[in-house]
Structure formats: C-alpha cells, structure tokens
Amino acid sequence: MLLTFAIGWLTLALVADAVVVATGSWRLLDAVGLLALLGGFAQAITATLLHVATMWLPRQRRLRLYPRLDAVPLWVAAAPQVLLVWLALRLLS
C-alpha cells in the first residue's frame, strides 16, 4: 500500500511541478517539492525499510508476521495520506 501511495504522490508532484513551471508560479515550487519529499520519497523509504527489516527476521517469525502486516486496516495506511492532503491544502492556500 505504501509504495502505491508513494507512486501516486510522486506522479502528482511531477504534474504539479510541470504546471508550476509552465505557469511561472514560482512561489508554489517549495510546496510541491515538500509534498514530493514527504508523499513520495518518505513513504517509499518507509515501505522499503519495512520490507528489509522483516527479511532480517528468522523464517518462522517472518512467516507469522506477513499475514499480520497484510491485515493492517486501511485507515492505518490512509491516515498519512489524509495528513498530506491537509498539508498540501495548507501550503497551497
């Protein structure tokens, strides 16, 4: 889920960056960069570290952990997205 959200935020940031450059709204460039860092890169790094950290566990513990990670409620993954949308609206207004 985190990688899917990260790809979505990076795509949105690229489109927003293109719009900022095309329209010359340079004051919005910092906000778009911050959203790309937090929305895209931070979530991608978190997802990668979560995957790598579970790979260091012994096989039996890792196999017991995967179903628990897959059963995480959707709101746990959606909460940072809501926070990022609130931050985007706050920075762009």
PDB file of N, CA and C in Angstrom:
ATOM      1  N   MET A   1       0.822  -1.193   0.000  1.00  0.00           N
ATOM      2  CA  MET A   1       0.000   0.000   0.000  1.00  0.00           C
ATOM      3  C   MET A   1       0.868   1.259   0.000  1.00  0.00           C
ATOM      4  N   LEU A   2       1.911   1.279   0.812  1.00  0.00           N
ATOM      5  CA  LEU A   2       2.732   2.481   0.899  1.00  0.00           C
ATOM      6  C   LEU A   2       3.418   2.800  -0.419  1.00  0.00           C
ATOM      7  N   LEU A   3       3.872   1.773  -1.119  1.00  0.00           N
ATOM      8  CA  LEU A   3       4.511   2.027  -2.405  1.00  0.00           C
ATOM      9  C   LEU A   3       3.508   2.537  -3.429  1.00  0.00           C
ATOM     10  N   THR A   4       2.297   2.052  -3.388  1.00  0.00           N
ATOM     11  CA  THR A   4       1.261   2.545  -4.294  1.00  0.00           C
ATOM     12  C   THR A   4       0.978   4.010  -4.028  1.00  0.00           C
ATOM     13  N   PHE A   5       0.848   4.366  -2.763  1.00  0.00           N
ATOM     14  CA  PHE A   5       0.630   5.769  -2.418  1.00  0.00           C
ATOM     15  C   PHE A   5       1.836   6.623  -2.800  1.00  0.00           C
ATOM     16  N   ALA A   6       3.046   6.103  -2.606  1.00  0.00           N
ATOM     17  CA  ALA A   6       4.250   6.857  -2.944  1.00  0.00           C
ATOM     18  C   ALA A   6       4.315   7.146  -4.441  1.00  0.00           C
ATOM     19  N   ILE A   7       3.979   6.160  -5.248  1.00  0.00           N
ATOM     20  CA  ILE A   7       3.974   6.361  -6.695  1.00  0.00           C
ATOM     21  C   ILE A   7       2.923   7.391  -7.081  1.00  0.00           C
ATOM     22  N   GLY A   8       1.769   7.337  -6.439  1.00  0.00           N
ATOM     23  CA  GLY A   8       0.727   8.323  -6.712  1.00  0.00           C
ATOM     24  C   GLY A   8       1.166   9.737  -6.354  1.00  0.00           C
ATOM     25  N   TRP A   9       1.799   9.899  -5.190  1.00  0.00           N
ATOM     26  CA  TRP A   9       2.260  11.223  -4.779  1.00  0.00           C
ATOM     27  C   TRP A   9       3.380  11.730  -5.677  1.00  0.00           C
ATOM     28  N   LEU A  10       4.281  10.849  -6.093  1.00  0.00           N
ATOM     29  CA  LEU A  10       5.348  11.280  -6.995  1.00  0.00           C
ATOM     30  C   LEU A  10       4.788  11.705  -8.349  1.00  0.00           C
ATOM     31  N   THR A  11       3.814  10.972  -8.848  1.00  0.00           N
ATOM     32  CA  THR A  11       3.182  11.348 -10.111  1.00  0.00           C
ATOM     33  C   THR A  11       2.482  12.699  -9.974  1.00  0.00           C
ATOM     34  N   LEU A  12       1.764  12.870  -8.902  1.00  0.00           N
ATOM     35  CA  LEU A  12       1.087  14.143  -8.655  1.00  0.00           C
ATOM     36  C   LEU A  12       2.096  15.288  -8.529  1.00  0.00           C
ATOM     37  N   ALA A  13       3.206  15.038  -7.867  1.00  0.00           N
ATOM     38  CA  ALA A  13       4.229  16.072  -7.710  1.00  0.00           C
ATOM     39  C   ALA A  13       4.863  16.433  -9.048  1.00  0.00           C
ATOM     40  N   LEU A  14       5.088  15.444  -9.904  1.00  0.00           N
ATOM     41  CA  LEU A  14       5.652  15.731 -11.223  1.00  0.00           C
ATOM     42  C   LEU A  14       4.709  16.572 -12.065  1.00  0.00           C
ATOM     43  N   VAL A  15       3.428  16.235 -12.019  1.00  0.00           N
ATOM     44  CA  VAL A  15       2.434  17.013 -12.767  1.00  0.00           C
ATOM     45  C   VAL A  15       2.338  18.431 -12.197  1.00  0.00           C
ATOM     46  N   ALA A  16       2.312  18.539 -10.878  1.00  0.00           N
ATOM     47  CA  ALA A  16       2.229  19.858 -10.247  1.00  0.00           C
ATOM     48  C   ALA A  16       3.471  20.683 -10.555  1.00  0.00           C
ATOM     49  N   ASP A  17       4.626  20.043 -10.586  1.00  0.00           N
ATOM     50  CA  ASP A  17       5.855  20.749 -10.917  1.00  0.00           C
ATOM     51  C   ASP A  17       5.812  21.269 -12.350  1.00  0.00           C
ATOM     52  N   ALA A  18       5.318  20.465 -13.261  1.00  0.00           N
ATOM     53  CA  ALA A  18       5.192  20.897 -14.654  1.00  0.00           C
ATOM     54  C   ALA A  18       4.230  22.082 -14.770  1.00  0.00           C
ATOM     55  N   VAL A  19       3.134  22.046 -14.016  1.00  0.00           N
ATOM     56  CA  VAL A  19       2.175  23.154 -14.041  1.00  0.00           C
ATOM     57  C   VAL A  19       2.806  24.415 -13.456  1.00  0.00           C
ATOM     58  N   VAL A  20       3.558  24.275 -12.377  1.00  0.00           N
ATOM     59  CA  VAL A  20       4.211  25.432 -11.752  1.00  0.00           C
ATOM     60  C   VAL A  20       5.210  26.060 -12.723  1.00  0.00           C
ATOM     61  N   VAL A  21       5.990  25.241 -13.404  1.00  0.00           N
ATOM     62  CA  VAL A  21       6.969  25.766 -14.349  1.00  0.00           C
ATOM     63  C   VAL A  21       6.269  26.386 -15.561  1.00  0.00           C
ATOM     64  N   ALA A  22       5.224  25.750 -16.057  1.00  0.00           N
ATOM     65  CA  ALA A  22       4.517  26.263 -17.231  1.00  0.00           C
ATOM     66  C   ALA A  22       3.818  27.591 -16.944  1.00  0.00           C
ATOM     67  N   THR A  23       3.296  27.745 -15.738  1.00  0.00           N
ATOM     68  CA  THR A  23       2.570  28.968 -15.414  1.00  0.00           C
ATOM     69  C   THR A  23       3.455  30.032 -14.766  1.00  0.00           C
ATOM     70  N   GLY A  24       4.658  29.655 -14.365  1.00  0.00           N
ATOM     71  CA  GLY A  24       5.557  30.614 -13.734  1.00  0.00           C
ATOM     72  C   GLY A  24       5.184  30.960 -12.305  1.00  0.00           C
ATOM     73  N   SER A  25       4.447  30.100 -11.632  1.00  0.00           N
ATOM     74  CA  SER A  25       4.053  30.315 -10.227  1.00  0.00           C
ATOM     75  C   SER A  25       5.159  29.794  -9.305  1.00  0.00           C
ATOM     76  N   TRP A  26       6.266  30.509  -9.288  1.00  0.00           N
ATOM     77  CA  TRP A  26       7.452  30.024  -8.592  1.00  0.00           C
ATOM     78  C   TRP A  26       7.263  29.932  -7.089  1.00  0.00           C
ATOM     79  N   ARG A  27       6.332  30.654  -6.529  1.00  0.00           N
ATOM     80  CA  ARG A  27       6.127  30.617  -5.073  1.00  0.00           C
ATOM     81  C   ARG A  27       5.594  29.260  -4.616  1.00  0.00           C
ATOM     82  N   LEU A  28       5.005  28.498  -5.526  1.00  0.00           N
ATOM     83  CA  LEU A  28       4.455  27.185  -5.176  1.00  0.00           C
ATOM     84  C   LEU A  28       5.480  26.055  -5.305  1.00  0.00           C
ATOM     85  N   LEU A  29       6.658  26.378  -5.820  1.00  0.00           N
ATOM     86  CA  LEU A  29       7.648  25.335  -6.079  1.00  0.00           C
ATOM     87  C   LEU A  29       8.128  24.662  -4.793  1.00  0.00           C
ATOM     88  N   ASP A  30       8.295  25.414  -3.717  1.00  0.00           N
ATOM     89  CA  ASP A  30       8.727  24.820  -2.445  1.00  0.00           C
ATOM     90  C   ASP A  30       7.662  23.872  -1.888  1.00  0.00           C
ATOM     91  N   ALA A  31       6.406  24.245  -2.005  1.00  0.00           N
ATOM     92  CA  ALA A  31       5.322  23.390  -1.507  1.00  0.00           C
ATOM     93  C   ALA A  31       5.262  22.093  -2.300  1.00  0.00           C
ATOM     94  N   VAL A  32       5.423  22.182  -3.609  1.00  0.00           N
ATOM     95  CA  VAL A  32       5.395  20.969  -4.439  1.00  0.00           C
ATOM     96  C   VAL A  32       6.580  20.067  -4.104  1.00  0.00           C
ATOM     97  N   GLY A  33       7.748  20.658  -3.873  1.00  0.00           N
ATOM     98  CA  GLY A  33       8.928  19.873  -3.500  1.00  0.00           C
ATOM     99  C   GLY A  33       8.767  19.182  -2.156  1.00  0.00           C
ATOM    100  N   LEU A  34       8.175  19.895  -1.202  1.00  0.00           N
ATOM    101  CA  LEU A  34       7.941  19.299   0.116  1.00  0.00           C
ATOM    102  C   LEU A  34       6.964  18.136   0.031  1.00  0.00           C
ATOM    103  N   LEU A  35       5.928  18.290  -0.767  1.00  0.00           N
ATOM    104  CA  LEU A  35       4.963  17.198  -0.923  1.00  0.00           C
ATOM    105  C   LEU A  35       5.585  16.006  -1.640  1.00  0.00           C
ATOM    106  N   ALA A  36       6.477  16.270  -2.595  1.00  0.00           N
ATOM    107  CA  ALA A  36       7.164  15.162  -3.265  1.00  0.00           C
ATOM    108  C   ALA A  36       8.059  14.422  -2.290  1.00  0.00           C
ATOM    109  N   LEU A  37       8.746  15.183  -1.418  1.00  0.00           N
ATOM    110  CA  LEU A  37       9.622  14.540  -0.433  1.00  0.00           C
ATOM    111  C   LEU A  37       8.830  13.725   0.582  1.00  0.00           C
ATOM    112  N   LEU A  38       7.791  14.331   1.143  1.00  0.00           N
ATOM    113  CA  LEU A  38       7.022  13.641   2.180  1.00  0.00           C
ATOM    114  C   LEU A  38       6.104  12.575   1.594  1.00  0.00           C
ATOM    115  N   GLY A  39       5.401  12.926   0.544  1.00  0.00           N
ATOM    116  CA  GLY A  39       4.427  11.995  -0.023  1.00  0.00           C
ATOM    117  C   GLY A  39       5.054  10.861  -0.800  1.00  0.00           C
ATOM    118  N   GLY A  40       6.085  11.182  -1.560  1.00  0.00           N
ATOM    119  CA  GLY A  40       6.683  10.157  -2.404  1.00  0.00           C
ATOM    120  C   GLY A  40       7.851   9.452  -1.765  1.00  0.00           C
ATOM    121  N   PHE A  41       8.901  10.207  -1.514  1.00  0.00           N
ATOM    122  CA  PHE A  41      10.136   9.584  -1.071  1.00  0.00           C
ATOM    123  C   PHE A  41      10.066   9.034   0.342  1.00  0.00           C
ATOM    124  N   ALA A  42       9.457   9.743   1.267  1.00  0.00           N
ATOM    125  CA  ALA A  42       9.393   9.256   2.648  1.00  0.00           C
ATOM    126  C   ALA A  42       8.598   7.960   2.745  1.00  0.00           C
ATOM    127  N   GLN A  43       7.494   7.873   2.002  1.00  0.00           N
ATOM    128  CA  GLN A  43       6.695   6.649   2.052  1.00  0.00           C
ATOM    129  C   GLN A  43       7.401   5.489   1.339  1.00  0.00           C
ATOM    130  N   ALA A  44       8.110   5.787   0.266  1.00  0.00           N
ATOM    131  CA  ALA A  44       8.857   4.733  -0.431  1.00  0.00           C
ATOM    132  C   ALA A  44       9.985   4.202   0.449  1.00  0.00           C
ATOM    133  N   ILE A  45      10.665   5.088   1.148  1.00  0.00           N
ATOM    134  CA  ILE A  45      11.738   4.662   2.049  1.00  0.00           C
ATOM    135  C   ILE A  45      11.167   3.857   3.216  1.00  0.00           C
ATOM    136  N   THR A  46      10.032   4.293   3.754  1.00  0.00           N
ATOM    137  CA  THR A  46       9.398   3.565   4.852  1.00  0.00           C
ATOM    138  C   THR A  46       8.985   2.165   4.414  1.00  0.00           C
ATOM    139  N   ALA A  47       8.397   2.051   3.241  1.00  0.00           N
ATOM    140  CA  ALA A  47       7.979   0.740   2.741  1.00  0.00           C
ATOM    141  C   ALA A  47       9.179  -0.168   2.503  1.00  0.00           C
ATOM    142  N   THR A  48      10.257   0.391   1.976  1.00  0.00           N
ATOM    143  CA  THR A  48      11.461  -0.401   1.729  1.00  0.00           C
ATOM    144  C   THR A  48      12.088  -0.861   3.037  1.00  0.00           C
ATOM    145  N   LEU A  49      12.180   0.035   4.015  1.00  0.00           N
ATOM    146  CA  LEU A  49      12.750  -0.360   5.302  1.00  0.00           C
ATOM    147  C   LEU A  49      11.895  -1.391   6.016  1.00  0.00           C
ATOM    148  N   LEU A  50      10.588  -1.266   5.887  1.00  0.00           N
ATOM    149  CA  LEU A  50       9.704  -2.268   6.490  1.00  0.00           C
ATOM    150  C   LEU A  50       9.933  -3.639   5.858  1.00  0.00           C
ATOM    151  N   HIS A  51      10.113  -3.666   4.547  1.00  0.00           N
ATOM    152  CA  HIS A  51      10.368  -4.928   3.861  1.00  0.00           C
ATOM    153  C   HIS A  51      11.725  -5.509   4.260  1.00  0.00           C
ATOM    154  N   VAL A  52      12.750  -4.672   4.283  1.00  0.00           N
ATOM    155  CA  VAL A  52      14.093  -5.144   4.615  1.00  0.00           C
ATOM    156  C   VAL A  52      14.165  -5.591   6.076  1.00  0.00           C
ATOM    157  N   ALA A  53      13.540  -4.846   6.971  1.00  0.00           N
ATOM    158  CA  ALA A  53      13.579  -5.211   8.386  1.00  0.00           C
ATOM    159  C   ALA A  53      12.916  -6.559   8.632  1.00  0.00           C
ATOM    160  N   THR A  54      11.833  -6.848   7.925  1.00  0.00           N
ATOM    161  CA  THR A  54      11.192  -8.154   8.119  1.00  0.00           C
ATOM    162  C   THR A  54      12.022  -9.275   7.499  1.00  0.00           C
ATOM    163  N   MET A  55      12.829  -8.971   6.505  1.00  0.00           N
ATOM    164  CA  MET A  55      13.665 -10.010   5.904  1.00  0.00           C
ATOM    165  C   MET A  55      14.791 -10.447   6.840  1.00  0.00           C
ATOM    166  N   TRP A  56      15.152  -9.611   7.803  1.00  0.00           N
ATOM    167  CA  TRP A  56      16.200  -9.968   8.754  1.00  0.00           C
ATOM    168  C   TRP A  56      15.707 -10.913   9.839  1.00  0.00           C
ATOM    169  N   LEU A  57      14.407 -11.036   9.980  1.00  0.00           N
ATOM    170  CA  LEU A  57      13.860 -11.926  10.997  1.00  0.00           C
ATOM    171  C   LEU A  57      14.064 -13.381  10.597  1.00  0.00           C
ATOM    172  N   PRO A  58      14.114 -14.270  11.570  1.00  0.00           N
ATOM    173  CA  PRO A  58      14.157 -15.698  11.225  1.00  0.00           C
ATOM    174  C   PRO A  58      12.909 -16.097  10.436  1.00  0.00           C
ATOM    175  N   ARG A  59      13.044 -17.125   9.648  1.00  0.00           N
ATOM    176  CA  ARG A  59      11.982 -17.523   8.708  1.00  0.00           C
ATOM    177  C   ARG A  59      10.631 -17.733   9.384  1.00  0.00           C
ATOM    178  N   GLN A  60      10.593 -18.444  10.501  1.00  0.00           N
ATOM    179  CA  GLN A  60       9.314 -18.726  11.164  1.00  0.00           C
ATOM    180  C   GLN A  60       8.638 -17.445  11.656  1.00  0.00           C
ATOM    181  N   ARG A  61       9.406 -16.530  12.231  1.00  0.00           N
ATOM    182  CA  ARG A  61       8.822 -15.260  12.696  1.00  0.00           C
ATOM    183  C   ARG A  61       8.359 -14.416  11.513  1.00  0.00           C
ATOM    184  N   ARG A  62       9.134 -14.441  10.421  1.00  0.00           N
ATOM    185  CA  ARG A  62       8.775 -13.675   9.233  1.00  0.00           C
ATOM    186  C   ARG A  62       7.473 -14.188   8.627  1.00  0.00           C
ATOM    187  N   LEU A  63       7.321 -15.502   8.575  1.00  0.00           N
ATOM    188  CA  LEU A  63       6.104 -16.085   8.004  1.00  0.00           C
ATOM    189  C   LEU A  63       4.886 -15.803   8.875  1.00  0.00           C
ATOM    190  N   ARG A  64       5.088 -15.677  10.189  1.00  0.00           N
ATOM    191  CA  ARG A  64       3.970 -15.306  11.067  1.00  0.00           C
ATOM    192  C   ARG A  64       3.646 -13.818  10.970  1.00  0.00           C
ATOM    193  N   LEU A  65       4.633 -13.009  10.625  1.00  0.00           N
ATOM    194  CA  LEU A  65       4.444 -11.559  10.576  1.00  0.00           C
ATOM    195  C   LEU A  65       3.739 -11.094   9.305  1.00  0.00           C
ATOM    196  N   TYR A  66       3.987 -11.749   8.190  1.00  0.00           N
ATOM    197  CA  TYR A  66       3.411 -11.298   6.913  1.00  0.00           C
ATOM    198  C   TYR A  66       1.883 -11.227   6.925  1.00  0.00           C
ATOM    199  N   PRO A  67       1.177 -12.232   7.432  1.00  0.00           N
ATOM    200  CA  PRO A  67      -0.286 -12.094   7.467  1.00  0.00           C
ATOM    201  C   PRO A  67      -0.747 -10.931   8.353  1.00  0.00           C
ATOM    202  N   ARG A  68      -0.019 -10.656   9.423  1.00  0.00           N
ATOM    203  CA  ARG A  68      -0.381  -9.526  10.278  1.00  0.00           C
ATOM    204  C   ARG A  68      -0.160  -8.205   9.564  1.00  0.00           C
ATOM    205  N   LEU A  69       0.906  -8.111   8.773  1.00  0.00           N
ATOM    206  CA  LEU A  69       1.149  -6.882   8.011  1.00  0.00           C
ATOM    207  C   LEU A  69       0.101  -6.689   6.919  1.00  0.00           C
ATOM    208  N   ASP A  70      -0.313  -7.789   6.300  1.00  0.00           N
ATOM    209  CA  ASP A  70      -1.335  -7.704   5.256  1.00  0.00           C
ATOM    210  C   ASP A  70      -2.708  -7.401   5.813  1.00  0.00           C
ATOM    211  N   ALA A  71      -2.921  -7.698   7.101  1.00  0.00           N
ATOM    212  CA  ALA A  71      -4.231  -7.488   7.710  1.00  0.00           C
ATOM    213  C   ALA A  71      -4.369  -6.121   8.374  1.00  0.00           C
ATOM    214  N   VAL A  72      -3.391  -5.251   8.181  1.00  0.00           N
ATOM    215  CA  VAL A  72      -3.464  -3.908   8.771  1.00  0.00           C
ATOM    216  C   VAL A  72      -4.668  -3.184   8.170  1.00  0.00           C
ATOM    217  N   PRO A  73      -5.468  -2.534   8.996  1.00  0.00           N
ATOM    218  CA  PRO A  73      -6.636  -1.822   8.466  1.00  0.00           C
ATOM    219  C   PRO A  73      -6.236  -0.740   7.467  1.00  0.00           C
ATOM    220  N   LEU A  74      -7.121  -0.475   6.559  1.00  0.00           N
ATOM    221  CA  LEU A  74      -6.853   0.500   5.509  1.00  0.00           C
ATOM    222  C   LEU A  74      -6.631   1.895   6.076  1.00  0.00           C
ATOM    223  N   TRP A  75      -7.284   2.222   7.178  1.00  0.00           N
ATOM    224  CA  TRP A  75      -7.138   3.568   7.729  1.00  0.00           C
ATOM    225  C   TRP A  75      -5.725   3.829   8.220  1.00  0.00           C
ATOM    226  N   VAL A  76      -4.985   2.777   8.574  1.00  0.00           N
ATOM    227  CA  VAL A  76      -3.608   2.967   9.022  1.00  0.00           C
ATOM    228  C   VAL A  76      -2.742   3.473   7.865  1.00  0.00           C
ATOM    229  N   ALA A  77      -2.976   2.945   6.682  1.00  0.00           N
ATOM    230  CA  ALA A  77      -2.236   3.417   5.512  1.00  0.00           C
ATOM    231  C   ALA A  77      -2.810   4.719   4.968  1.00  0.00           C
ATOM    232  N   ALA A  78      -4.097   4.963   5.193  1.00  0.00           N
ATOM    233  CA  ALA A  78      -4.734   6.168   4.669  1.00  0.00           C
ATOM    234  C   ALA A  78      -4.502   7.386   5.553  1.00  0.00           C
ATOM    235  N   ALA A  79      -4.197   7.201   6.813  1.00  0.00           N
ATOM    236  CA  ALA A  79      -4.010   8.342   7.725  1.00  0.00           C
ATOM    237  C   ALA A  79      -2.894   9.280   7.265  1.00  0.00           C
ATOM    238  N   PRO A  80      -1.713   8.779   6.856  1.00  0.00           N
ATOM    239  CA  PRO A  80      -0.692   9.717   6.364  1.00  0.00           C
ATOM    240  C   PRO A  80      -1.124  10.432   5.082  1.00  0.00           C
ATOM    241  N   GLN A  81      -1.950   9.772   4.278  1.00  0.00           N
ATOM    242  CA  GLN A  81      -2.406  10.406   3.039  1.00  0.00           C
ATOM    243  C   GLN A  81      -3.332  11.583   3.342  1.00  0.00           C
ATOM    244  N   VAL A  82      -4.192  11.401   4.321  1.00  0.00           N
ATOM    245  CA  VAL A  82      -5.086  12.490   4.725  1.00  0.00           C
ATOM    246  C   VAL A  82      -4.260  13.649   5.272  1.00  0.00           C
ATOM    247  N   LEU A  83      -3.246  13.339   6.061  1.00  0.00           N
ATOM    248  CA  LEU A  83      -2.370  14.376   6.594  1.00  0.00           C
ATOM    249  C   LEU A  83      -1.648  15.114   5.469  1.00  0.00           C
ATOM    250  N   LEU A  84      -1.204  14.398   4.454  1.00  0.00           N
ATOM    251  CA  LEU A  84      -0.519  15.035   3.330  1.00  0.00           C
ATOM    252  C   LEU A  84      -1.467  15.912   2.518  1.00  0.00           C
ATOM    253  N   VAL A  85      -2.711  15.484   2.337  1.00  0.00           N
ATOM    254  CA  VAL A  85      -3.689  16.310   1.636  1.00  0.00           C
ATOM    255  C   VAL A  85      -3.942  17.588   2.430  1.00  0.00           C
ATOM    256  N   TRP A  86      -4.073  17.465   3.754  1.00  0.00           N
ATOM    257  CA  TRP A  86      -4.278  18.649   4.595  1.00  0.00           C
ATOM    258  C   TRP A  86      -3.061  19.580   4.477  1.00  0.00           C
ATOM    259  N   LEU A  87      -1.865  19.022   4.502  1.00  0.00           N
ATOM    260  CA  LEU A  87      -0.662  19.830   4.369  1.00  0.00           C
ATOM    261  C   LEU A  87      -0.590  20.507   3.011  1.00  0.00           C
ATOM    262  N   ALA A  88      -0.970  19.793   1.971  1.00  0.00           N
ATOM    263  CA  ALA A  88      -0.950  20.379   0.624  1.00  0.00           C
ATOM    264  C   ALA A  88      -1.918  21.538   0.533  1.00  0.00           C
ATOM    265  N   LEU A  89      -3.101  21.362   1.041  1.00  0.00           N
ATOM    266  CA  LEU A  89      -4.082  22.452   1.000  1.00  0.00           C
ATOM    267  C   LEU A  89      -3.620  23.640   1.824  1.00  0.00           C
ATOM    268  N   ARG A  90      -2.977  23.356   2.929  1.00  0.00           N
ATOM    269  CA  ARG A  90      -2.486  24.428   3.803  1.00  0.00           C
ATOM    270  C   ARG A  90      -1.334  25.198   3.143  1.00  0.00           C
ATOM    271  N   LEU A  91      -0.428  24.470   2.476  1.00  0.00           N
ATOM    272  CA  LEU A  91       0.707  25.132   1.837  1.00  0.00           C
ATOM    273  C   LEU A  91       0.320  25.881   0.568  1.00  0.00           C
ATOM    274  N   LEU A  92      -0.655  25.360  -0.152  1.00  0.00           N
ATOM    275  CA  LEU A  92      -1.024  25.967  -1.427  1.00  0.00           C
ATOM    276  C   LEU A  92      -2.022  27.103  -1.277  1.00  0.00           C
ATOM    277  N   SER A  93      -2.543  27.312  -0.080  1.00  0.00           N
ATOM    278  CA  SER A  93      -3.508  28.399   0.084  1.00  0.00           C
ATOM    279  C   SER A  93      -2.863  29.658   0.619  1.00  0.00           C
TER     280      SER A  93
END
